[in-house]
C-alpha atoms as a PDB file:
ATOM      1  CA  MET A   1      20.518 -12.204  -4.196  1.00  0.00           C
ATOM      2  CA  VAL A   2      18.198 -10.752  -1.455  1.00  0.00           C
ATOM      3  CA  VAL A   3      16.522  -7.633  -1.871  1.00  0.00           C
ATOM      4  CA  MET A   4      15.665  -6.029   1.038  1.00  0.00           C
ATOM      5  CA  ASP A   5      12.599  -3.808   1.079  1.00  0.00           C
ATOM      6  CA  SER A   6      13.474  -0.496   3.623  1.00  0.00           C
ATOM      7  CA  GLY A   7      10.313   1.084   2.763  1.00  0.00           C
ATOM      8  CA  LEU A   8      12.270   4.322   2.826  1.00  0.00           C
ATOM      9  CA  ASP A   9      11.083   4.887  -0.845  1.00  0.00           C
ATOM     10  CA  THR A  10       8.330   7.438  -0.516  1.00  0.00           C
ATOM     11  CA  ARG A  11       7.831   7.578  -4.263  1.00  0.00           C
ATOM     12  CA  ARG A  12       6.406   4.247  -4.443  1.00  0.00           C
ATOM     13  CA  ILE A  13       4.222   4.226  -1.670  1.00  0.00           C
ATOM     14  CA  VAL A  14       0.277   3.981  -1.924  1.00  0.00           C
ATOM     15  CA  HIS A  15      -2.517   4.166  -0.200  1.00  0.00           C
ATOM     16  CA  PRO A  16      -4.903   1.502  -0.367  1.00  0.00           C
ATOM     17  CA  SER A  17      -8.658   1.813  -1.979  1.00  0.00           C
ATOM     18  CA  GLU A  18      -9.633  -1.617  -1.085  1.00  0.00           C
ATOM     19  CA  ARG A  19     -11.227  -2.580   1.802  1.00  0.00           C
ATOM     20  CA  ILE A  20      -9.481  -5.680   2.503  1.00  0.00           C
ATOM     21  CA  VAL A  21      -5.879  -5.805   2.303  1.00  0.00           C
ATOM     22  CA  THR A  22      -3.382  -8.495   2.357  1.00  0.00           C
ATOM     23  CA  GLY A  23       0.190  -8.401   2.444  1.00  0.00           C
ATOM     24  CA  ARG A  24       3.112  -8.301   4.339  1.00  0.00           C
ATOM     25  CA  VAL A  25       4.429  -6.039   6.704  1.00  0.00           C
ATOM     26  CA  VAL A  26       7.505  -4.140   5.925  1.00  0.00           C
ATOM     27  CA  ARG A  27       7.695  -1.624   8.380  1.00  0.00           C
ATOM     28  CA  LEU A  28       5.751  -0.398  11.502  1.00  0.00           C
ATOM     29  CA  LEU A  29       7.094   3.727  11.586  1.00  0.00           C
ATOM     30  CA  ASP A  30       7.469   5.837  14.809  1.00  0.00           C
ATOM     31  CA  GLY A  31       3.971   6.369  16.595  1.00  0.00           C
ATOM     32  CA  TYR A  32       2.665   9.515  17.505  1.00  0.00           C
ATOM     33  CA  SER A  33      -0.028  11.041  19.193  1.00  0.00           C
ATOM     34  CA  ARG A  34      -2.986  12.990  17.975  1.00  0.00           C
ATOM     35  CA  GLU A  35      -6.074  14.197  19.637  1.00  0.00           C
ATOM     36  CA  VAL A  36     -10.109  13.345  19.179  1.00  0.00           C
ATOM     37  CA  SER A  37     -11.720  16.345  19.494  1.00  0.00           C
ATOM     38  CA  VAL A  38     -14.278  17.058  21.375  1.00  0.00           C
ATOM     39  CA  GLY A  39     -17.708  18.798  20.509  1.00  0.00           C
ATOM     40  CA  GLN A  40     -18.410  22.063  22.282  1.00  0.00           C
ATOM     41  CA  PRO A  41     -22.562  21.423  22.246  1.00  0.00           C
ATOM     42  CA  VAL A  42     -22.334  18.050  23.346  1.00  0.00           C
ATOM     43  CA  LEU A  43     -19.737  18.973  25.834  1.00  0.00           C
ATOM     44  CA  VAL A  44     -21.848  21.597  27.034  1.00  0.00           C
ATOM     45  CA  ALA A  45     -25.129  19.510  26.995  1.00  0.00           C
ATOM     46  CA  VAL A  46     -23.903  16.884  29.458  1.00  0.00           C
ATOM     47  CA  LEU A  47     -21.842  19.202  31.503  1.00  0.00           C
ATOM     48  CA  ALA A  48     -25.574  21.102  32.397  1.00  0.00           C
ATOM     49  CA  ALA A  49     -27.445  18.018  32.958  1.00  0.00           C
ATOM     50  CA  ALA A  50     -24.281  17.018  35.591  1.00  0.00           C
ATOM     51  CA  GLY A  51     -24.978  20.323  37.006  1.00  0.00           C
ATOM     52  CA  VAL A  52     -28.187  19.470  37.600  1.00  0.00           C
ATOM     53  CA  ALA A  53     -27.466  16.794  39.893  1.00  0.00           C
ATOM     54  CA  GLY A  54     -24.353  18.020  41.163  1.00  0.00           C
ATOM     55  CA  LEU A  55     -26.835  20.560  42.479  1.00  0.00           C
ATOM     56  CA  LEU A  56     -29.018  18.115  44.085  1.00  0.00           C
ATOM     57  CA  MET A  57     -25.936  16.109  45.644  1.00  0.00           C
ATOM     58  CA  MET A  58     -25.046  20.036  47.146  1.00  0.00           C
ATOM     59  CA  LEU A  59     -28.417  19.763  48.997  1.00  0.00           C
ATOM     60  CA  VAL A  60     -27.649  16.393  49.965  1.00  0.00           C
ATOM     61  CA  ARG A  61     -23.871  17.139  51.290  1.00  0.00           C
ATOM     62  CA  ALA A  62     -25.780  20.176  53.112  1.00  0.00           C
ATOM     63  CA  VAL A  63     -28.453  17.897  54.942  1.00  0.00           C
ATOM     64  CA  LEU A  64     -25.662  14.864  55.461  1.00  0.00           C
ATOM     65  CA  PRO A  65     -22.139  16.191  56.200  1.00  0.00           C
ATOM     66  CA  GLY A  66     -20.296  13.122  56.254  1.00  0.00           C
ATOM     67  CA  LEU A  67     -20.571  12.452  52.478  1.00  0.00           C
ATOM     68  CA  SER A  68     -17.352  14.082  50.278  1.00  0.00           C
ATOM     69  CA  GLY A  69     -17.507  15.137  47.024  1.00  0.00           C
ATOM     70  CA  GLY A  70     -15.164  13.596  44.147  1.00  0.00           C
ATOM     71  CA  SER A  71     -12.539  15.671  41.933  1.00  0.00           C
ATOM     72  CA  ARG A  72     -13.809  17.479  39.508  1.00  0.00           C
ATOM     73  CA  ARG A  73     -12.170  18.306  35.942  1.00  0.00           C
ATOM     74  CA  ARG A  74     -11.364  22.009  34.038  1.00  0.00           C
ATOM     75  CA  TRP A  75     -13.647  23.209  31.481  1.00  0.00           C
ATOM     76  CA  LYS A  76     -10.109  23.611  29.668  1.00  0.00           C
ATOM     77  CA  ASP A  77      -9.431  19.586  30.687  1.00  0.00           C
ATOM     78  CA  LEU A  78     -12.562  18.270  28.998  1.00  0.00           C
ATOM     79  CA  LYS A  79     -12.634  20.603  25.980  1.00  0.00           C
ATOM     80  CA  LYS A  80      -8.977  19.428  24.830  1.00  0.00           C
ATOM     81  CA  GLY A  81     -10.047  15.822  24.228  1.00  0.00           C
ATOM     82  CA  PRO A  82      -8.023  12.363  24.766  1.00  0.00           C
ATOM     83  CA  GLU A  83      -4.894  11.783  22.473  1.00  0.00           C
ATOM     84  CA  TYR A  84      -4.459   8.498  20.841  1.00  0.00           C
ATOM     85  CA  LEU A  85      -1.232   6.686  19.409  1.00  0.00           C
ATOM     86  CA  VAL A  86      -1.059   6.785  15.764  1.00  0.00           C
ATOM     87  CA  THR A  87       1.198   4.254  14.348  1.00  0.00           C
ATOM     88  CA  PRO A  88       2.023   4.811  10.490  1.00  0.00           C
ATOM     89  CA  LEU A  89       2.490   0.859   9.206  1.00  0.00           C
ATOM     90  CA  ARG A  90       3.844   0.090   5.730  1.00  0.00           C
ATOM     91  CA  LEU A  91       3.095  -2.983   4.275  1.00  0.00           C
ATOM     92  CA  ARG A  92       3.642  -4.624   0.642  1.00  0.00           C
ATOM     93  CA  ASP A  93       0.069  -5.895  -1.137  1.00  0.00           C
ATOM     94  CA  LYS A  94       0.050  -9.014  -3.643  1.00  0.00           C
ATOM     95  CA  ALA A  95       0.326  -7.068  -6.269  1.00  0.00           C
ATOM     96  CA  GLY A  96       3.617  -5.925  -4.781  1.00  0.00           C
ATOM     97  CA  ARG A  97       2.820  -2.559  -4.230  1.00  0.00           C
ATOM     98  CA  LEU A  98       4.073  -1.179  -0.773  1.00  0.00           C
ATOM     99  CA  CYS A  99       0.875   0.661   1.154  1.00  0.00           C
ATOM    100  CA  GLU A 100       0.686   2.590   3.616  1.00  0.00           C
ATOM    101  CA  VAL A 101      -1.807   3.020   6.002  1.00  0.00           C
ATOM    102  CA  GLU A 102      -2.093   3.728   9.849  1.00  0.00           C
ATOM    103  CA  LEU A 103      -2.763   1.990  13.021  1.00  0.00           C
ATOM    104  CA  HIS A 104      -4.600   3.889  15.923  1.00  0.00           C
ATOM    105  CA  GLY A 105      -4.703   3.093  19.350  1.00  0.00           C
ATOM    106  CA  HIS A 106      -2.611   0.608  21.425  1.00  0.00           C
ATOM    107  CA  LEU A 107      -1.694  -3.197  20.366  1.00  0.00           C
ATOM    108  CA  PRO A 108       0.603  -5.837  22.422  1.00  0.00           C
ATOM    109  CA  GLN A 109       4.598  -5.434  21.484  1.00  0.00           C
ATOM    110  CA  SER A 110       4.486  -8.814  20.071  1.00  0.00           C
ATOM    111  CA  ALA A 111       1.230  -8.598  17.730  1.00  0.00           C
ATOM    112  CA  LEU A 112       3.246  -7.606  14.551  1.00  0.00           C
ATOM    113  CA  HIS A 113       6.434  -8.171  13.000  1.00  0.00           C
ATOM    114  CA  PRO A 114       8.123  -7.166   9.735  1.00  0.00           C
ATOM    115  CA  ALA A 115       7.443 -10.274   7.364  1.00  0.00           C
ATOM    116  CA  ASP A 116       4.402 -11.489   9.266  1.00  0.00           C
ATOM    117  CA  HIS A 117       1.721 -12.179   6.556  1.00  0.00           C
ATOM    118  CA  VAL A 118      -1.774  -9.896   7.525  1.00  0.00           C
ATOM    119  CA  GLN A 119      -5.184  -9.646   6.526  1.00  0.00           C
ATOM    120  CA  ILE A 120      -6.255  -5.721   7.322  1.00  0.00           C
ATOM    121  CA  THR A 121      -9.800  -4.627   7.239  1.00  0.00           C
ATOM    122  CA  VAL A 122      -9.245  -0.254   6.185  1.00  0.00           C
ATOM    123  CA  ARG A 123     -11.892   2.533   6.471  1.00  0.00           C
ATOM    124  CA  PRO A 124     -10.556   5.957   5.120  1.00  0.00           C
ATOM    125  CA  GLN A 125     -10.493   8.908   7.123  1.00  0.00           C
ATOM    126  CA  ARG A 126     -12.059  12.094   7.141  1.00  0.00           C
ATOM    127  CA  ASP A 127      -9.171  13.931   5.805  1.00  0.00           C
ATOM    128  CA  PRO A 128      -8.762  12.196   2.289  1.00  0.00           C
ATOM    129  CA  GLU A 129      -4.424  13.351   2.500  1.00  0.00           C
ATOM    130  CA  LEU A 130      -3.975  10.777   5.436  1.00  0.00           C
ATOM    131  CA  PRO A 131      -3.624   6.894   5.011  1.00  0.00           C
ATOM    132  CA  PRO A 132      -6.741   4.666   5.519  1.00  0.00           C
ATOM    133  CA  ARG A 133      -7.087   3.588   9.149  1.00  0.00           C
ATOM    134  CA  ILE A 134      -6.912   0.017   9.955  1.00  0.00           C
ATOM    135  CA  GLU A 135     -10.373  -1.244  11.705  1.00  0.00           C
ATOM    136  CA  ARG A 136      -9.277  -4.957  12.208  1.00  0.00           C
ATOM    137  CA  ILE A 137      -6.103  -7.395  11.681  1.00  0.00           C
ATOM    138  CA  VAL A 138      -5.720 -10.788  10.714  1.00  0.00           C
ATOM    139  CA  ASN A 139      -2.289 -12.016  11.810  1.00  0.00           C
ATOM    140  CA  LEU A 140      -1.680 -14.462   9.203  1.00  0.00           C
ATOM    141  CA  THR A 141       1.418 -16.017  10.528  1.00  0.00           C
ATOM    142  CA  THR A 142       0.226 -16.121  14.263  1.00  0.00           C
ATOM    143  CA  GLY A 143      -3.269 -16.620  13.499  1.00  0.00           C
ATOM    144  CA  GLN A 144      -4.039 -13.323  16.204  1.00  0.00           C
ATOM    145  CA  LEU A 145      -6.968 -10.980  15.604  1.00  0.00           C
ATOM    146  CA  LEU A 146      -6.502  -8.232  16.485  1.00  0.00           C
ATOM    147  CA  THR A 147      -8.555  -4.814  16.780  1.00  0.00           C
ATOM    148  CA  PRO A 148      -7.101  -1.896  18.048  1.00  0.00           C
ATOM    149  CA  ARG A 149      -8.981   0.346  20.508  1.00  0.00           C
ATOM    150  CA  THR A 150      -8.793   4.134  20.689  1.00  0.00           C
ATOM    151  CA  ALA A 151      -9.843   6.797  22.954  1.00  0.00           C
ATOM    152  CA  THR A 152     -13.245   8.420  22.360  1.00  0.00           C
ATOM    153  CA  LEU A 153     -15.332  10.964  23.545  1.00  0.00           C
ATOM    154  CA  TRP A 154     -17.183   9.114  25.858  1.00  0.00           C
ATOM    155  CA  SER A 155     -14.205   7.180  27.842  1.00  0.00           C
ATOM    156  CA  HIS A 156     -12.670  10.627  28.098  1.00  0.00           C
ATOM    157  CA  LEU A 157     -15.730  12.287  30.433  1.00  0.00           C
ATOM    158  CA  GLY A 158     -15.589   8.864  31.811  1.00  0.00           C
ATOM    159  CA  PRO A 159     -18.411   7.168  33.530  1.00  0.00           C
ATOM    160  CA  PRO A 160     -18.786   9.597  36.882  1.00  0.00           C
ATOM    161  CA  LEU A 161     -19.715  12.391  34.779  1.00  0.00           C
ATOM    162  CA  LEU A 162     -21.823   9.940  32.460  1.00  0.00           C
ATOM    163  CA  LEU A 163     -23.821   8.742  35.063  1.00  0.00           C
ATOM    164  CA  GLN A 164     -23.641  12.582  36.666  1.00  0.00           C
ATOM    165  CA  ALA A 165     -25.179  13.764  33.296  1.00  0.00           C
ATOM    166  CA  THR A 166     -27.776  10.486  33.278  1.00  0.00           C
ATOM    167  CA  LEU A 167     -29.065  11.752  36.629  1.00  0.00           C
ATOM    168  CA  GLY A 168     -29.766  15.138  35.995  1.00  0.00           C
ATOM    169  CA  ALA A 169     -31.504  14.472  32.447  1.00  0.00           C
ATOM    170  CA  LEU A 170     -33.550  12.326  34.232  1.00  0.00           C
ATOM    171  CA  LEU A 171     -34.081  14.708  37.118  1.00  0.00           C
ATOM    172  CA  LEU A 172     -35.137  17.540  34.592  1.00  0.00           C
ATOM    173  CA  LEU A 173     -37.808  15.111  33.046  1.00  0.00           C
ATOM    174  CA  VAL A 174     -39.572  13.994  36.069  1.00  0.00           C
ATOM    175  CA  VAL A 175     -39.803  17.774  36.616  1.00  0.00           C
ATOM    176  CA  ALA A 176     -40.422  19.038  33.631  1.00  0.00           C
ATOM    177  CA  ALA A 177     -43.327  15.866  33.540  1.00  0.00           C
ATOM    178  CA  TRP A 178     -44.465  16.747  37.066  1.00  0.00           C
ATOM    179  CA  SER A 179     -45.043  20.542  36.191  1.00  0.00           C
ATOM    180  CA  ALA A 180     -46.856  19.285  33.227  1.00  0.00           C
ATOM    181  CA  LEU A 181     -49.111  17.146  34.810  1.00  0.00           C
ATOM    182  CA  GLY A 182     -49.864  19.920  37.521  1.00  0.00           C
END
């Protein structure tokens, strides 16, 4: 007789306390989105430094009218923060316990299937009520090493804004050094 594990019995689901868990994938639950929080002081500092470089670019555009500026994102859009996919994953560990962990970010569709033998490296989340987050998956069935990636504050702000902020900060440093010498 074969006993199917549907993964629906929530009374026995535990959050693993070990850093590395080996087991079989029971079920990938439906994913949902979660937002990365954006700290207002960091955002203000980046936008202030980018504003200094923006003023310099306005002067350059006034002298050379053929240059055009890029589109600007609103404060509300930048403050909101990026969203990333959270997929709860249930697996049965070596001790036979049903464990729940969270997969943050995207993986290829064919990367994990129910019954795959996996070794996962997890890390606790800030909220102790949430299951641990997967940092790395070794799919022992297929031999794949999988590392999920999520959006970060820096990827949300984007290279153009960060480059502009760096230029503005350097410009402020040059002006401060020049005024200190003079």
